[in-house]
Amino acid sequence: MEEDEVGAYVDAVSRVVDLPIPAAYRQGVIDNLQAILRQTAGLMAVELDPAEESAPIFHP
């Protein structure tokens, strides 16, 4: 995600969850989200076989 896309996402989510982000903190939130996206990119790129379910599925 590009920085402008991350900024738009942060703005949209803050409106949806009704959690305003003060202007003084907005860039920090964007920077942290970009860091999280970079750190998780390798994990998200791993293709899992359907048999490799990460957790059991609850069936009542």
C-alpha atoms as a PDB file:
ATOM      1  CA  MET A   1       0.000   0.000   0.000  1.00  0.00           C
ATOM      2  CA  GLU A   2       1.253   3.462  -0.866  1.00  0.00           C
ATOM      3  CA  GLU A   3       1.346   6.166   1.814  1.00  0.00           C
ATOM      4  CA  ASP A   4      -1.660   8.000   0.362  1.00  0.00           C
ATOM      5  CA  GLU A   5      -3.654   4.741   0.377  1.00  0.00           C
ATOM      6  CA  VAL A   6      -2.665   4.070   3.977  1.00  0.00           C
ATOM      7  CA  GLY A   7      -3.663   7.629   4.882  1.00  0.00           C
ATOM      8  CA  ALA A   8      -7.044   7.203   3.231  1.00  0.00           C
ATOM      9  CA  TYR A   9      -7.510   3.879   5.042  1.00  0.00           C
ATOM     10  CA  VAL A  10      -6.611   5.436   8.413  1.00  0.00           C
ATOM     11  CA  ASP A  11      -9.046   8.297   7.804  1.00  0.00           C
ATOM     12  CA  ALA A  12     -11.850   5.952   6.739  1.00  0.00           C
ATOM     13  CA  VAL A  13     -11.401   3.542   9.629  1.00  0.00           C
ATOM     14  CA  SER A  14     -11.227   6.349  12.182  1.00  0.00           C
ATOM     15  CA  ARG A  15     -14.604   7.589  10.898  1.00  0.00           C
ATOM     16  CA  VAL A  16     -16.157   4.108  10.882  1.00  0.00           C
ATOM     17  CA  VAL A  17     -15.120   3.349  14.470  1.00  0.00           C
ATOM     18  CA  ASP A  18     -15.820   6.950  15.563  1.00  0.00           C
ATOM     19  CA  LEU A  19     -12.278   7.431  16.866  1.00  0.00           C
ATOM     20  CA  PRO A  20     -10.941  10.768  15.705  1.00  0.00           C
ATOM     21  CA  ILE A  21      -7.170  10.939  15.233  1.00  0.00           C
ATOM     22  CA  PRO A  22      -5.750  14.347  16.112  1.00  0.00           C
ATOM     23  CA  ALA A  23      -3.748  15.898  13.288  1.00  0.00           C
ATOM     24  CA  ALA A  24      -0.612  15.853  15.450  1.00  0.00           C
ATOM     25  CA  TYR A  25      -0.775  12.025  15.641  1.00  0.00           C
ATOM     26  CA  ARG A  26      -2.096  11.144  12.168  1.00  0.00           C
ATOM     27  CA  GLN A  27       1.323  10.776  10.485  1.00  0.00           C
ATOM     28  CA  GLY A  28       2.536   8.589  13.358  1.00  0.00           C
ATOM     29  CA  VAL A  29      -0.471   6.302  12.942  1.00  0.00           C
ATOM     30  CA  ILE A  30       0.218   6.083   9.198  1.00  0.00           C
ATOM     31  CA  ASP A  31       3.923   5.363   9.793  1.00  0.00           C
ATOM     32  CA  ASN A  32       3.118   2.617  12.301  1.00  0.00           C
ATOM     33  CA  LEU A  33       0.561   0.983  10.018  1.00  0.00           C
ATOM     34  CA  GLN A  34       3.061   1.030   7.142  1.00  0.00           C
ATOM     35  CA  ALA A  35       5.656  -0.619   9.415  1.00  0.00           C
ATOM     36  CA  ILE A  36       3.142  -3.312  10.374  1.00  0.00           C
ATOM     37  CA  LEU A  37       2.308  -3.920   6.704  1.00  0.00           C
ATOM     38  CA  ARG A  38       6.019  -4.294   5.847  1.00  0.00           C
ATOM     39  CA  GLN A  39       6.606  -6.664   8.767  1.00  0.00           C
ATOM     40  CA  THR A  40       3.664  -8.898   7.905  1.00  0.00           C
ATOM     41  CA  ALA A  41       4.165  -8.959   4.116  1.00  0.00           C
ATOM     42  CA  GLY A  42       6.247 -12.143   4.231  1.00  0.00           C
ATOM     43  CA  LEU A  43       3.727 -13.935   6.407  1.00  0.00           C
ATOM     44  CA  MET A  44       0.801 -12.895   4.233  1.00  0.00           C
ATOM     45  CA  ALA A  45       2.639 -14.123   1.117  1.00  0.00           C
ATOM     46  CA  VAL A  46       2.736 -17.721   2.374  1.00  0.00           C
ATOM     47  CA  GLU A  47       0.222 -19.855   0.526  1.00  0.00           C
ATOM     48  CA  LEU A  48      -1.507 -22.344   2.810  1.00  0.00           C
ATOM     49  CA  ASP A  49      -2.916 -25.622   1.631  1.00  0.00           C
ATOM     50  CA  PRO A  50      -6.559 -26.056   2.710  1.00  0.00           C
ATOM     51  CA  ALA A  51      -5.416 -28.980   4.886  1.00  0.00           C
ATOM     52  CA  GLU A  52      -3.148 -26.601   6.825  1.00  0.00           C
ATOM     53  CA  GLU A  53      -5.928 -24.900   8.711  1.00  0.00           C
ATOM     54  CA  SER A  54      -4.544 -22.477  11.308  1.00  0.00           C
ATOM     55  CA  ALA A  55      -7.119 -23.458  13.911  1.00  0.00           C
ATOM     56  CA  PRO A  56      -9.895 -25.995  14.262  1.00  0.00           C
ATOM     57  CA  ILE A  57     -13.326 -24.944  13.089  1.00  0.00           C
ATOM     58  CA  PHE A  58     -16.074 -25.025  15.697  1.00  0.00           C
ATOM     59  CA  HIS A  59     -19.132 -27.014  14.653  1.00  0.00           C
ATOM     60  CA  PRO A  60     -21.920 -27.001  17.287  1.00  0.00           C
END
